[in-house]
PDB file of N, CA and C in Angstrom:
ATOM      1  N   UNK A   1       0.939  -1.373  -0.037  1.00  0.00           N
ATOM      2  CA  UNK A   1      -0.091   0.024  -0.053  1.00  0.00           C
ATOM      3  C   UNK A   1       1.085   1.324   0.064  1.00  0.00           C
ATOM      4  N   UNK A   2       0.545   2.263  -0.931  1.00  0.00           N
ATOM      5  CA  UNK A   2       1.443   3.363  -0.700  1.00  0.00           C
ATOM      6  C   UNK A   2       0.701   4.319  -0.068  1.00  0.00           C
ATOM      7  N   UNK A   3       1.330   5.500  -0.004  1.00  0.00           N
ATOM      8  CA  UNK A   3       0.817   6.765   1.055  1.00  0.00           C
ATOM      9  C   UNK A   3      -0.766   7.343   0.508  1.00  0.00           C
ATOM     10  N   UNK A   4      -0.793   7.362  -0.811  1.00  0.00           N
ATOM     11  CA  UNK A   4      -1.959   7.632  -1.293  1.00  0.00           C
ATOM     12  C   UNK A   4      -3.090   6.974  -1.029  1.00  0.00           C
ATOM     13  N   UNK A   5      -3.056   5.589  -1.067  1.00  0.00           N
ATOM     14  CA  UNK A   5      -3.839   4.618  -0.863  1.00  0.00           C
ATOM     15  C   UNK A   5      -4.421   4.444   0.768  1.00  0.00           C
ATOM     16  N   UNK A   6      -3.247   4.663   1.438  1.00  0.00           N
ATOM     17  CA  UNK A   6      -3.370   4.722   3.003  1.00  0.00           C
ATOM     18  C   UNK A   6      -4.169   6.065   3.395  1.00  0.00           C
ATOM     19  N   UNK A   7      -3.783   7.130   2.709  1.00  0.00           N
ATOM     20  CA  UNK A   7      -4.457   8.365   2.986  1.00  0.00           C
ATOM     21  C   UNK A   7      -6.099   8.347   2.671  1.00  0.00           C
ATOM     22  N   UNK A   8      -6.471   7.427   1.496  1.00  0.00           N
ATOM     23  CA  UNK A   8      -7.616   7.384   0.807  1.00  0.00           C
ATOM     24  C   UNK A   8      -8.335   6.442   1.890  1.00  0.00           C
ATOM     25  N   UNK A   9      -7.826   5.314   2.519  1.00  0.00           N
ATOM     26  CA  UNK A   9      -8.504   4.576   3.291  1.00  0.00           C
ATOM     27  C   UNK A   9      -8.905   4.938   4.444  1.00  0.00           C
ATOM     28  N   UNK A  10      -7.727   5.853   5.168  1.00  0.00           N
ATOM     29  CA  UNK A  10      -7.983   6.361   6.574  1.00  0.00           C
ATOM     30  C   UNK A  10      -8.986   7.353   6.447  1.00  0.00           C
ATOM     31  N   UNK A  11      -9.024   8.176   5.476  1.00  0.00           N
ATOM     32  CA  UNK A  11     -10.055   9.299   5.238  1.00  0.00           C
ATOM     33  C   UNK A  11     -11.587   8.361   5.246  1.00  0.00           C
ATOM     34  N   UNK A  12     -11.506   7.630   4.482  1.00  0.00           N
ATOM     35  CA  UNK A  12     -12.985   6.828   4.344  1.00  0.00           C
ATOM     36  C   UNK A  12     -13.405   6.409   5.887  1.00  0.00           C
ATOM     37  N   UNK A  13     -12.345   5.941   6.686  1.00  0.00           N
ATOM     38  CA  UNK A  13     -12.584   5.464   8.059  1.00  0.00           C
ATOM     39  C   UNK A  13     -12.786   6.604   9.104  1.00  0.00           C
ATOM     40  N   UNK A  14     -12.471   7.926   8.804  1.00  0.00           N
ATOM     41  CA  UNK A  14     -12.435   8.930   9.637  1.00  0.00           C
ATOM     42  C   UNK A  14     -13.801   9.525   9.728  1.00  0.00           C
ATOM     43  N   UNK A  15     -14.950   8.771   9.644  1.00  0.00           N
ATOM     44  CA  UNK A  15     -16.315   9.238   9.704  1.00  0.00           C
ATOM     45  C   UNK A  15     -17.019   8.279  10.400  1.00  0.00           C
ATOM     46  N   UNK A  16     -17.800   8.532  11.578  1.00  0.00           N
ATOM     47  CA  UNK A  16     -18.387   7.552  12.597  1.00  0.00           C
ATOM     48  C   UNK A  16     -19.134   6.519  11.911  1.00  0.00           C
ATOM     49  N   UNK A  17     -20.102   6.965  10.926  1.00  0.00           N
ATOM     50  CA  UNK A  17     -21.046   5.774  10.182  1.00  0.00           C
ATOM     51  C   UNK A  17     -20.131   4.847   9.394  1.00  0.00           C
ATOM     52  N   UNK A  18     -19.117   5.477   8.682  1.00  0.00           N
ATOM     53  CA  UNK A  18     -18.442   4.428   7.827  1.00  0.00           C
ATOM     54  C   UNK A  18     -17.591   3.650   8.735  1.00  0.00           C
ATOM     55  N   UNK A  19     -17.130   4.060   9.712  1.00  0.00           N
ATOM     56  CA  UNK A  19     -16.365   3.392  10.656  1.00  0.00           C
ATOM     57  C   UNK A  19     -17.121   2.306  11.173  1.00  0.00           C
ATOM     58  N   UNK A  20     -18.380   2.406  11.557  1.00  0.00           N
ATOM     59  CA  UNK A  20     -19.248   1.460  12.129  1.00  0.00           C
ATOM     60  C   UNK A  20     -19.596   0.414  11.113  1.00  0.00           C
ATOM     61  N   UNK A  21     -19.894   0.938   9.823  1.00  0.00           N
ATOM     62  CA  UNK A  21     -20.077  -0.018   8.664  1.00  0.00           C
ATOM     63  C   UNK A  21     -19.009  -0.939   8.677  1.00  0.00           C
ATOM     64  N   UNK A  22     -17.789  -0.269   8.475  1.00  0.00           N
ATOM     65  CA  UNK A  22     -16.552  -1.350   8.343  1.00  0.00           C
ATOM     66  C   UNK A  22     -16.177  -2.393   9.410  1.00  0.00           C
ATOM     67  N   UNK A  23     -16.505  -1.956  10.752  1.00  0.00           N
ATOM     68  CA  UNK A  23     -16.301  -2.773  11.753  1.00  0.00           C
ATOM     69  C   UNK A  23     -17.350  -3.772  11.898  1.00  0.00           C
ATOM     70  N   UNK A  24     -18.540  -3.729  11.460  1.00  0.00           N
ATOM     71  CA  UNK A  24     -19.503  -4.472  11.331  1.00  0.00           C
ATOM     72  C   UNK A  24     -19.371  -5.535  10.486  1.00  0.00           C
ATOM     73  N   UNK A  25     -18.951  -5.166   9.197  1.00  0.00           N
ATOM     74  CA  UNK A  25     -18.442  -6.034   8.047  1.00  0.00           C
ATOM     75  C   UNK A  25     -17.182  -6.897   8.509  1.00  0.00           C
ATOM     76  N   UNK A  26     -16.364  -6.354   9.074  1.00  0.00           N
ATOM     77  CA  UNK A  26     -15.102  -7.040   9.580  1.00  0.00           C
ATOM     78  C   UNK A  26     -15.738  -8.230  10.470  1.00  0.00           C
ATOM     79  N   UNK A  27     -16.551  -7.796  11.373  1.00  0.00           N
ATOM     80  CA  UNK A  27     -17.060  -8.959  12.430  1.00  0.00           C
ATOM     81  C   UNK A  27     -17.649  -9.991  11.595  1.00  0.00           C
ATOM     82  N   UNK A  28     -18.470  -9.603  10.436  1.00  0.00           N
ATOM     83  CA  UNK A  28     -19.212 -10.706   9.892  1.00  0.00           C
ATOM     84  C   UNK A  28     -18.452 -11.529   8.883  1.00  0.00           C
ATOM     85  N   UNK A  29     -17.288 -10.974   8.688  1.00  0.00           N
ATOM     86  CA  UNK A  29     -16.272 -11.882   7.811  1.00  0.00           C
ATOM     87  C   UNK A  29     -16.370 -11.976   6.449  1.00  0.00           C
ATOM     88  N   UNK A  30     -15.980 -12.649   5.493  1.00  0.00           N
ATOM     89  CA  UNK A  30     -15.810 -12.731   3.946  1.00  0.00           C
ATOM     90  C   UNK A  30     -17.355 -12.905   3.639  1.00  0.00           C
ATOM     91  N   UNK A  31     -18.313 -13.636   4.454  1.00  0.00           N
ATOM     92  CA  UNK A  31     -19.537 -13.734   3.766  1.00  0.00           C
ATOM     93  C   UNK A  31     -20.261 -12.452   3.726  1.00  0.00           C
ATOM     94  N   UNK A  32     -19.949 -11.618   4.337  1.00  0.00           N
ATOM     95  CA  UNK A  32     -20.515 -10.069   4.438  1.00  0.00           C
ATOM     96  C   UNK A  32     -22.174  -9.997   4.563  1.00  0.00           C
ATOM     97  N   UNK A  33     -22.609  -9.026   4.284  1.00  0.00           N
ATOM     98  CA  UNK A  33     -24.116  -8.558   4.474  1.00  0.00           C
ATOM     99  C   UNK A  33     -24.534  -7.896   3.537  1.00  0.00           C
ATOM    100  N   UNK A  34     -26.073  -8.009   3.210  1.00  0.00           N
ATOM    101  CA  UNK A  34     -26.682  -7.342   2.279  1.00  0.00           C
ATOM    102  C   UNK A  34     -26.897  -5.774   2.919  1.00  0.00           C
ATOM    103  N   UNK A  35     -26.732  -4.771   1.813  1.00  0.00           N
ATOM    104  CA  UNK A  35     -26.987  -3.460   2.468  1.00  0.00           C
ATOM    105  C   UNK A  35     -28.209  -3.379   3.545  1.00  0.00           C
ATOM    106  N   UNK A  36     -29.233  -3.825   3.008  1.00  0.00           N
ATOM    107  CA  UNK A  36     -30.226  -3.546   3.915  1.00  0.00           C
ATOM    108  C   UNK A  36     -30.178  -3.969   5.388  1.00  0.00           C
ATOM    109  N   UNK A  37     -29.544  -5.231   5.517  1.00  0.00           N
ATOM    110  CA  UNK A  37     -29.139  -5.751   6.636  1.00  0.00           C
ATOM    111  C   UNK A  37     -28.210  -4.593   7.538  1.00  0.00           C
ATOM    112  N   UNK A  38     -27.132  -4.293   6.906  1.00  0.00           N
ATOM    113  CA  UNK A  38     -26.287  -3.455   7.406  1.00  0.00           C
ATOM    114  C   UNK A  38     -26.965  -2.023   8.075  1.00  0.00           C
ATOM    115  N   UNK A  39     -28.064  -1.768   6.955  1.00  0.00           N
ATOM    116  CA  UNK A  39     -28.815  -0.476   7.282  1.00  0.00           C
ATOM    117  C   UNK A  39     -29.579  -0.671   8.578  1.00  0.00           C
ATOM    118  N   UNK A  40     -30.435  -1.858   8.806  1.00  0.00           N
ATOM    119  CA  UNK A  40     -30.960  -2.177   9.810  1.00  0.00           C
ATOM    120  C   UNK A  40     -30.484  -2.288  11.095  1.00  0.00           C
ATOM    121  N   UNK A  41     -29.193  -2.860  11.088  1.00  0.00           N
ATOM    122  CA  UNK A  41     -28.199  -3.200  12.269  1.00  0.00           C
ATOM    123  C   UNK A  41     -27.878  -1.898  12.903  1.00  0.00           C
ATOM    124  N   UNK A  42     -27.433  -0.996  11.949  1.00  0.00           N
ATOM    125  CA  UNK A  42     -26.957   0.173  12.298  1.00  0.00           C
ATOM    126  C   UNK A  42     -27.832   1.364  12.673  1.00  0.00           C
ATOM    127  N   UNK A  43     -29.236   1.045  12.228  1.00  0.00           N
ATOM    128  CA  UNK A  43     -30.040   2.267  12.364  1.00  0.00           C
ATOM    129  C   UNK A  43     -29.873   3.337  11.127  1.00  0.00           C
ATOM    130  N   UNK A  44     -29.397   2.948  10.163  1.00  0.00           N
ATOM    131  CA  UNK A  44     -28.989   4.137   9.135  1.00  0.00           C
ATOM    132  C   UNK A  44     -30.028   3.948   7.889  1.00  0.00           C
ATOM    133  N   UNK A  45     -30.415   5.135   7.521  1.00  0.00           N
ATOM    134  CA  UNK A  45     -31.342   5.206   6.199  1.00  0.00           C
ATOM    135  C   UNK A  45     -30.484   4.714   5.274  1.00  0.00           C
ATOM    136  N   UNK A  46     -31.264   3.930   4.260  1.00  0.00           N
ATOM    137  CA  UNK A  46     -30.522   3.043   3.128  1.00  0.00           C
ATOM    138  C   UNK A  46     -30.057   4.138   2.226  1.00  0.00           C
ATOM    139  N   UNK A  47     -30.536   5.282   1.891  1.00  0.00           N
ATOM    140  CA  UNK A  47     -29.883   6.197   0.892  1.00  0.00           C
ATOM    141  C   UNK A  47     -28.675   6.612   1.534  1.00  0.00           C
ATOM    142  N   UNK A  48     -28.557   6.885   2.752  1.00  0.00           N
ATOM    143  CA  UNK A  48     -27.346   7.363   3.805  1.00  0.00           C
ATOM    144  C   UNK A  48     -26.328   6.275   3.609  1.00  0.00           C
ATOM    145  N   UNK A  49     -26.809   5.021   3.716  1.00  0.00           N
ATOM    146  CA  UNK A  49     -26.025   3.964   3.909  1.00  0.00           C
ATOM    147  C   UNK A  49     -25.200   3.663   2.526  1.00  0.00           C
ATOM    148  N   UNK A  50     -26.028   3.868   1.314  1.00  0.00           N
ATOM    149  CA  UNK A  50     -25.633   3.674   0.048  1.00  0.00           C
ATOM    150  C   UNK A  50     -24.468   4.670  -0.111  1.00  0.00           C
ATOM    151  N   UNK A  51     -24.466   5.920   0.341  1.00  0.00           N
ATOM    152  CA  UNK A  51     -23.403   6.703   0.100  1.00  0.00           C
ATOM    153  C   UNK A  51     -22.128   6.434   0.735  1.00  0.00           C
ATOM    154  N   UNK A  52     -22.343   6.022   2.169  1.00  0.00           N
ATOM    155  CA  UNK A  52     -21.250   5.471   2.716  1.00  0.00           C
ATOM    156  C   UNK A  52     -20.686   4.159   2.282  1.00  0.00           C
ATOM    157  N   UNK A  53     -21.394   3.430   1.766  1.00  0.00           N
ATOM    158  CA  UNK A  53     -20.800   2.030   1.376  1.00  0.00           C
ATOM    159  C   UNK A  53     -20.254   2.364  -0.197  1.00  0.00           C
ATOM    160  N   UNK A  54     -20.434   3.296  -0.734  1.00  0.00           N
ATOM    161  CA  UNK A  54     -19.850   3.617  -2.115  1.00  0.00           C
ATOM    162  C   UNK A  54     -18.225   4.332  -1.635  1.00  0.00           C
ATOM    163  N   UNK A  55     -18.393   5.227  -0.571  1.00  0.00           N
ATOM    164  CA  UNK A  55     -17.052   5.736  -0.275  1.00  0.00           C
ATOM    165  C   UNK A  55     -16.177   4.801   0.122  1.00  0.00           C
ATOM    166  N   UNK A  56     -16.582   3.850   0.926  1.00  0.00           N
ATOM    167  CA  UNK A  56     -15.703   2.747   1.436  1.00  0.00           C
ATOM    168  C   UNK A  56     -14.946   1.770   0.506  1.00  0.00           C
ATOM    169  N   UNK A  57     -16.098   1.399  -0.694  1.00  0.00           N
ATOM    170  CA  UNK A  57     -15.778   0.834  -1.639  1.00  0.00           C
ATOM    171  C   UNK A  57     -14.668   1.514  -2.691  1.00  0.00           C
ATOM    172  N   UNK A  58     -14.671   2.819  -2.698  1.00  0.00           N
ATOM    173  CA  UNK A  58     -13.852   3.566  -3.625  1.00  0.00           C
ATOM    174  C   UNK A  58     -12.479   3.675  -2.957  1.00  0.00           C
ATOM    175  N   UNK A  59     -12.469   3.625  -1.285  1.00  0.00           N
ATOM    176  CA  UNK A  59     -11.229   3.594  -1.007  1.00  0.00           C
ATOM    177  C   UNK A  59     -10.552   2.201  -0.736  1.00  0.00           C
ATOM    178  N   UNK A  60     -11.345   1.282  -1.395  1.00  0.00           N
ATOM    179  CA  UNK A  60     -10.842  -0.028  -1.608  1.00  0.00           C
ATOM    180  C   UNK A  60     -10.935  -0.895  -0.207  1.00  0.00           C
ATOM    181  N   UNK A  61     -11.910  -0.489   0.708  1.00  0.00           N
ATOM    182  CA  UNK A  61     -11.849  -1.275   1.791  1.00  0.00           C
ATOM    183  C   UNK A  61     -13.054  -2.309   1.748  1.00  0.00           C
ATOM    184  N   UNK A  62     -13.947  -2.120   1.037  1.00  0.00           N
ATOM    185  CA  UNK A  62     -15.103  -3.083   0.734  1.00  0.00           C
ATOM    186  C   UNK A  62     -14.952  -3.633  -0.672  1.00  0.00           C
ATOM    187  N   UNK A  63     -15.710  -5.043  -0.591  1.00  0.00           N
ATOM    188  CA  UNK A  63     -15.795  -5.616  -1.918  1.00  0.00           C
ATOM    189  C   UNK A  63     -17.484  -5.701  -2.107  1.00  0.00           C
ATOM    190  N   UNK A  64     -17.994  -5.663  -3.012  1.00  0.00           N
ATOM    191  CA  UNK A  64     -19.668  -5.980  -3.303  1.00  0.00           C
ATOM    192  C   UNK A  64     -19.762  -6.986  -4.338  1.00  0.00           C
ATOM    193  N   UNK A  65     -20.586  -7.926  -4.133  1.00  0.00           N
ATOM    194  CA  UNK A  65     -21.039  -8.878  -5.056  1.00  0.00           C
ATOM    195  C   UNK A  65     -22.413  -9.029  -4.979  1.00  0.00           C
ATOM    196  N   UNK A  66     -22.878  -9.427  -6.264  1.00  0.00           N
ATOM    197  CA  UNK A  66     -24.354  -9.677  -6.398  1.00  0.00           C
ATOM    198  C   UNK A  66     -24.625 -11.290  -6.075  1.00  0.00           C
ATOM    199  N   UNK A  67     -25.689 -11.136  -5.327  1.00  0.00           N
ATOM    200  CA  UNK A  67     -26.147 -12.580  -5.092  1.00  0.00           C
ATOM    201  C   UNK A  67     -27.706 -12.511  -5.249  1.00  0.00           C
ATOM    202  N   UNK A  68     -28.132 -13.224  -6.256  1.00  0.00           N
ATOM    203  CA  UNK A  68     -29.612 -12.941  -6.558  1.00  0.00           C
ATOM    204  C   UNK A  68     -30.085 -11.597  -6.726  1.00  0.00           C
ATOM    205  N   UNK A  69     -30.974 -11.028  -5.935  1.00  0.00           N
ATOM    206  CA  UNK A  69     -31.332  -9.730  -6.124  1.00  0.00           C
ATOM    207  C   UNK A  69     -30.619  -8.717  -5.135  1.00  0.00           C
ATOM    208  N   UNK A  70     -29.781  -9.078  -4.190  1.00  0.00           N
ATOM    209  CA  UNK A  70     -29.145  -8.553  -3.375  1.00  0.00           C
ATOM    210  C   UNK A  70     -27.809  -8.277  -3.606  1.00  0.00           C
ATOM    211  N   UNK A  71     -27.330  -7.178  -3.004  1.00  0.00           N
ATOM    212  CA  UNK A  71     -25.882  -6.926  -3.224  1.00  0.00           C
ATOM    213  C   UNK A  71     -25.240  -6.956  -1.918  1.00  0.00           C
ATOM    214  N   UNK A  72     -24.207  -8.050  -1.772  1.00  0.00           N
ATOM    215  CA  UNK A  72     -23.542  -8.156  -0.510  1.00  0.00           C
ATOM    216  C   UNK A  72     -22.396  -7.598  -0.286  1.00  0.00           C
ATOM    217  N   UNK A  73     -21.987  -6.924   0.553  1.00  0.00           N
ATOM    218  CA  UNK A  73     -20.779  -6.014   0.795  1.00  0.00           C
ATOM    219  C   UNK A  73     -19.985  -6.826   2.039  1.00  0.00           C
ATOM    220  N   UNK A  74     -18.700  -6.891   1.729  1.00  0.00           N
ATOM    221  CA  UNK A  74     -17.965  -7.533   2.749  1.00  0.00           C
ATOM    222  C   UNK A  74     -16.655  -6.969   2.828  1.00  0.00           C
ATOM    223  N   UNK A  75     -15.889  -6.717   4.088  1.00  0.00           N
ATOM    224  CA  UNK A  75     -14.712  -6.098   4.336  1.00  0.00           C
ATOM    225  C   UNK A  75     -13.846  -6.886   3.418  1.00  0.00           C
ATOM    226  N   UNK A  76     -12.660  -5.887   2.916  1.00  0.00           N
ATOM    227  CA  UNK A  76     -11.433  -6.413   1.995  1.00  0.00           C
ATOM    228  C   UNK A  76     -10.254  -6.724   3.187  1.00  0.00           C
ATOM    229  N   UNK A  77     -10.169  -7.955   3.364  1.00  0.00           N
ATOM    230  CA  UNK A  77      -9.348  -7.979   4.378  1.00  0.00           C
ATOM    231  C   UNK A  77      -7.919  -7.916   4.007  1.00  0.00           C
ATOM    232  N   UNK A  78      -7.798  -8.297   2.632  1.00  0.00           N
ATOM    233  CA  UNK A  78      -6.317  -8.021   2.353  1.00  0.00           C
ATOM    234  C   UNK A  78      -5.848  -6.635   2.495  1.00  0.00           C
ATOM    235  N   UNK A  79      -6.817  -5.543   1.879  1.00  0.00           N
ATOM    236  CA  UNK A  79      -6.615  -4.287   2.045  1.00  0.00           C
ATOM    237  C   UNK A  79      -6.548  -3.787   3.508  1.00  0.00           C
ATOM    238  N   UNK A  80      -7.250  -4.305   4.370  1.00  0.00           N
ATOM    239  CA  UNK A  80      -7.190  -3.905   5.637  1.00  0.00           C
ATOM    240  C   UNK A  80      -5.905  -4.309   6.212  1.00  0.00           C
ATOM    241  N   UNK A  81      -5.309  -5.515   6.063  1.00  0.00           N
ATOM    242  CA  UNK A  81      -3.963  -5.974   6.313  1.00  0.00           C
ATOM    243  C   UNK A  81      -2.935  -5.094   5.776  1.00  0.00           C
ATOM    244  N   UNK A  82      -3.168  -4.576   4.602  1.00  0.00           N
ATOM    245  CA  UNK A  82      -2.172  -3.730   3.849  1.00  0.00           C
ATOM    246  C   UNK A  82      -2.177  -2.663   4.604  1.00  0.00           C
ATOM    247  N   UNK A  83      -3.081  -1.883   4.970  1.00  0.00           N
ATOM    248  CA  UNK A  83      -3.230  -0.692   5.757  1.00  0.00           C
ATOM    249  C   UNK A  83      -2.649  -0.813   7.072  1.00  0.00           C
ATOM    250  N   UNK A  84      -2.932  -1.937   7.903  1.00  0.00           N
ATOM    251  CA  UNK A  84      -2.212  -2.070   9.100  1.00  0.00           C
ATOM    252  C   UNK A  84      -0.658  -2.081   8.920  1.00  0.00           C
ATOM    253  N   UNK A  85      -0.081  -2.740   7.789  1.00  0.00           N
ATOM    254  CA  UNK A  85       1.038  -3.087   7.581  1.00  0.00           C
ATOM    255  C   UNK A  85       1.836  -1.787   7.255  1.00  0.00           C
ATOM    256  N   UNK A  86       1.109  -0.876   6.465  1.00  0.00           N
ATOM    257  CA  UNK A  86       1.540   0.411   6.078  1.00  0.00           C
ATOM    258  C   UNK A  86       1.844   1.191   7.367  1.00  0.00           C
ATOM    259  N   UNK A  87       0.827   1.082   8.273  1.00  0.00           N
ATOM    260  CA  UNK A  87       1.024   2.057   9.549  1.00  0.00           C
ATOM    261  C   UNK A  87       2.239   1.486  10.500  1.00  0.00           C
ATOM    262  N   UNK A  88       2.294   0.177  10.316  1.00  0.00           N
ATOM    263  CA  UNK A  88       3.467  -0.378  11.201  1.00  0.00           C
ATOM    264  C   UNK A  88       4.999  -0.694  10.667  1.00  0.00           C
ATOM    265  N   UNK A  89       5.078  -0.260   9.305  1.00  0.00           N
ATOM    266  CA  UNK A  89       6.084  -0.255   8.598  1.00  0.00           C
ATOM    267  C   UNK A  89       7.236   0.620   9.406  1.00  0.00           C
ATOM    268  N   UNK A  90       7.014   1.642   9.644  1.00  0.00           N
ATOM    269  CA  UNK A  90       7.949   2.630  10.199  1.00  0.00           C
ATOM    270  C   UNK A  90       7.989   2.677  11.598  1.00  0.00           C
ATOM    271  N   UNK A  91       7.118   1.632  12.539  1.00  0.00           N
ATOM    272  CA  UNK A  91       6.853   1.849  13.870  1.00  0.00           C
ATOM    273  C   UNK A  91       8.337   1.405  14.542  1.00  0.00           C
ATOM    274  N   UNK A  92       8.410   2.207  15.420  1.00  0.00           N
ATOM    275  CA  UNK A  92       9.266   1.916  16.607  1.00  0.00           C
ATOM    276  C   UNK A  92      10.776   1.727  16.326  1.00  0.00           C
ATOM    277  N   UNK A  93      11.156   2.457  15.051  1.00  0.00           N
ATOM    278  CA  UNK A  93      12.515   2.184  14.814  1.00  0.00           C
ATOM    279  C   UNK A  93      13.415   2.847  15.735  1.00  0.00           C
ATOM    280  N   UNK A  94      14.343   2.039  16.394  1.00  0.00           N
ATOM    281  CA  UNK A  94      15.360   2.746  17.365  1.00  0.00           C
ATOM    282  C   UNK A  94      14.508   2.741  18.762  1.00  0.00           C
ATOM    283  N   UNK A  95      13.251   2.435  18.827  1.00  0.00           N
ATOM    284  CA  UNK A  95      12.625   2.577  20.059  1.00  0.00           C
ATOM    285  C   UNK A  95      11.519   1.426  20.225  1.00  0.00           C
ATOM    286  N   UNK A  96      12.104   0.313  20.539  1.00  0.00           N
ATOM    287  CA  UNK A  96      11.482  -0.841  20.730  1.00  0.00           C
ATOM    288  C   UNK A  96      10.294  -0.735  21.821  1.00  0.00           C
ATOM    289  N   UNK A  97      10.666  -0.031  23.090  1.00  0.00           N
ATOM    290  CA  UNK A  97       9.668   0.165  24.112  1.00  0.00           C
ATOM    291  C   UNK A  97       8.361   0.819  23.457  1.00  0.00           C
ATOM    292  N   UNK A  98       8.561   1.424  22.480  1.00  0.00           N
ATOM    293  CA  UNK A  98       7.188   2.038  22.099  1.00  0.00           C
ATOM    294  C   UNK A  98       6.036   1.152  21.569  1.00  0.00           C
ATOM    295  N   UNK A  99       6.855   0.042  21.010  1.00  0.00           N
ATOM    296  CA  UNK A  99       5.694  -0.930  20.361  1.00  0.00           C
ATOM    297  C   UNK A  99       5.682  -2.079  21.159  1.00  0.00           C
ATOM    298  N   UNK A 100       5.753  -2.093  22.589  1.00  0.00           N
ATOM    299  CA  UNK A 100       5.708  -3.284  23.107  1.00  0.00           C
ATOM    300  C   UNK A 100       4.390  -4.078  23.026  1.00  0.00           C
ATOM    301  N   UNK A 101       3.389  -3.292  23.301  1.00  0.00           N
ATOM    302  CA  UNK A 101       2.069  -3.560  23.226  1.00  0.00           C
ATOM    303  C   UNK A 101       1.606  -4.059  21.844  1.00  0.00           C
ATOM    304  N   UNK A 102       2.305  -3.769  20.709  1.00  0.00           N
ATOM    305  CA  UNK A 102       1.990  -4.293  19.440  1.00  0.00           C
ATOM    306  C   UNK A 102       1.966  -5.705  19.190  1.00  0.00           C
ATOM    307  N   UNK A 103       2.949  -6.487  19.830  1.00  0.00           N
ATOM    308  CA  UNK A 103       3.137  -7.669  19.579  1.00  0.00           C
ATOM    309  C   UNK A 103       1.570  -8.786  19.902  1.00  0.00           C
ATOM    310  N   UNK A 104       1.061  -8.242  20.730  1.00  0.00           N
ATOM    311  CA  UNK A 104      -0.134  -9.014  21.188  1.00  0.00           C
ATOM    312  C   UNK A 104      -1.277  -8.566  20.154  1.00  0.00           C
ATOM    313  N   UNK A 105      -1.363  -7.037  19.723  1.00  0.00           N
ATOM    314  CA  UNK A 105      -2.083  -7.043  18.545  1.00  0.00           C
ATOM    315  C   UNK A 105      -1.903  -7.530  17.349  1.00  0.00           C
ATOM    316  N   UNK A 106      -0.607  -7.629  17.181  1.00  0.00           N
ATOM    317  CA  UNK A 106      -0.362  -8.437  15.596  1.00  0.00           C
ATOM    318  C   UNK A 106      -0.497  -9.867  15.898  1.00  0.00           C
ATOM    319  N   UNK A 107      -0.483 -10.457  16.892  1.00  0.00           N
ATOM    320  CA  UNK A 107      -0.821 -11.739  17.300  1.00  0.00           C
ATOM    321  C   UNK A 107      -2.237 -12.084  16.970  1.00  0.00           C
ATOM    322  N   UNK A 108      -3.080 -11.121  17.524  1.00  0.00           N
ATOM    323  CA  UNK A 108      -4.567 -10.995  17.383  1.00  0.00           C
ATOM    324  C   UNK A 108      -5.005 -11.065  15.987  1.00  0.00           C
ATOM    325  N   UNK A 109      -4.441 -10.066  15.359  1.00  0.00           N
ATOM    326  CA  UNK A 109      -4.631  -9.653  13.893  1.00  0.00           C
ATOM    327  C   UNK A 109      -4.430 -11.156  13.012  1.00  0.00           C
ATOM    328  N   UNK A 110      -3.353 -11.716  13.484  1.00  0.00           N
ATOM    329  CA  UNK A 110      -2.791 -12.686  12.613  1.00  0.00           C
ATOM    330  C   UNK A 110      -3.791 -14.216  12.610  1.00  0.00           C
ATOM    331  N   UNK A 111      -4.329 -14.349  14.041  1.00  0.00           N
ATOM    332  CA  UNK A 111      -5.371 -15.255  14.203  1.00  0.00           C
ATOM    333  C   UNK A 111      -6.490 -15.086  13.578  1.00  0.00           C
ATOM    334  N   UNK A 112      -7.022 -13.789  13.475  1.00  0.00           N
ATOM    335  CA  UNK A 112      -8.248 -13.203  12.860  1.00  0.00           C
ATOM    336  C   UNK A 112      -8.128 -13.574  11.455  1.00  0.00           C
ATOM    337  N   UNK A 113      -6.764 -13.208  10.728  1.00  0.00           N
ATOM    338  CA  UNK A 113      -6.872 -13.408   9.506  1.00  0.00           C
ATOM    339  C   UNK A 113      -6.743 -14.916   8.873  1.00  0.00           C
ATOM    340  N   UNK A 114      -6.302 -15.615   9.868  1.00  0.00           N
ATOM    341  CA  UNK A 114      -6.210 -17.172   9.547  1.00  0.00           C
ATOM    342  C   UNK A 114      -7.506 -17.737   9.557  1.00  0.00           C
ATOM    343  N   UNK A 115      -8.274 -17.114  10.519  1.00  0.00           N
ATOM    344  CA  UNK A 115      -9.956 -17.680  10.574  1.00  0.00           C
ATOM    345  C   UNK A 115     -10.567 -17.291   9.225  1.00  0.00           C
ATOM    346  N   UNK A 116     -10.332 -16.037   8.542  1.00  0.00           N
ATOM    347  CA  UNK A 116     -10.822 -15.571   7.337  1.00  0.00           C
ATOM    348  C   UNK A 116     -10.281 -16.393   6.233  1.00  0.00           C
ATOM    349  N   UNK A 117      -9.201 -17.031   6.311  1.00  0.00           N
ATOM    350  CA  UNK A 117      -8.717 -18.095   4.927  1.00  0.00           C
ATOM    351  C   UNK A 117      -9.110 -19.141   5.139  1.00  0.00           C
ATOM    352  N   UNK A 118      -9.805 -19.689   6.099  1.00  0.00           N
ATOM    353  CA  UNK A 118     -10.343 -20.968   6.218  1.00  0.00           C
ATOM    354  C   UNK A 118     -11.357 -21.435   5.403  1.00  0.00           C
TER     355      UNK A 118
END
């Protein structure tokens, strides 16, 4: 991931509704959810949700696929991993004490990614 892509992804997540949508879809895993279900769970109007889904998709954080008459949205776990990797690339150079707590987070992220790949 380059700086432009990271800025675009972080900008998309810097809005409360979009962050809530993304977190919900991460919890749901690769199966994703139909837009109507996302709207219902988050209490967001469908037109508003459509705007936010488009922003997240444009930022490369979501994948959409048609299933029958519905469009399912799912988090793009590869993009999420690339974003986290980008943020951690320059972390702690020369100051390992700053990153002491990141090992557990990195391990958790690895376990979550392994579950998704199964």
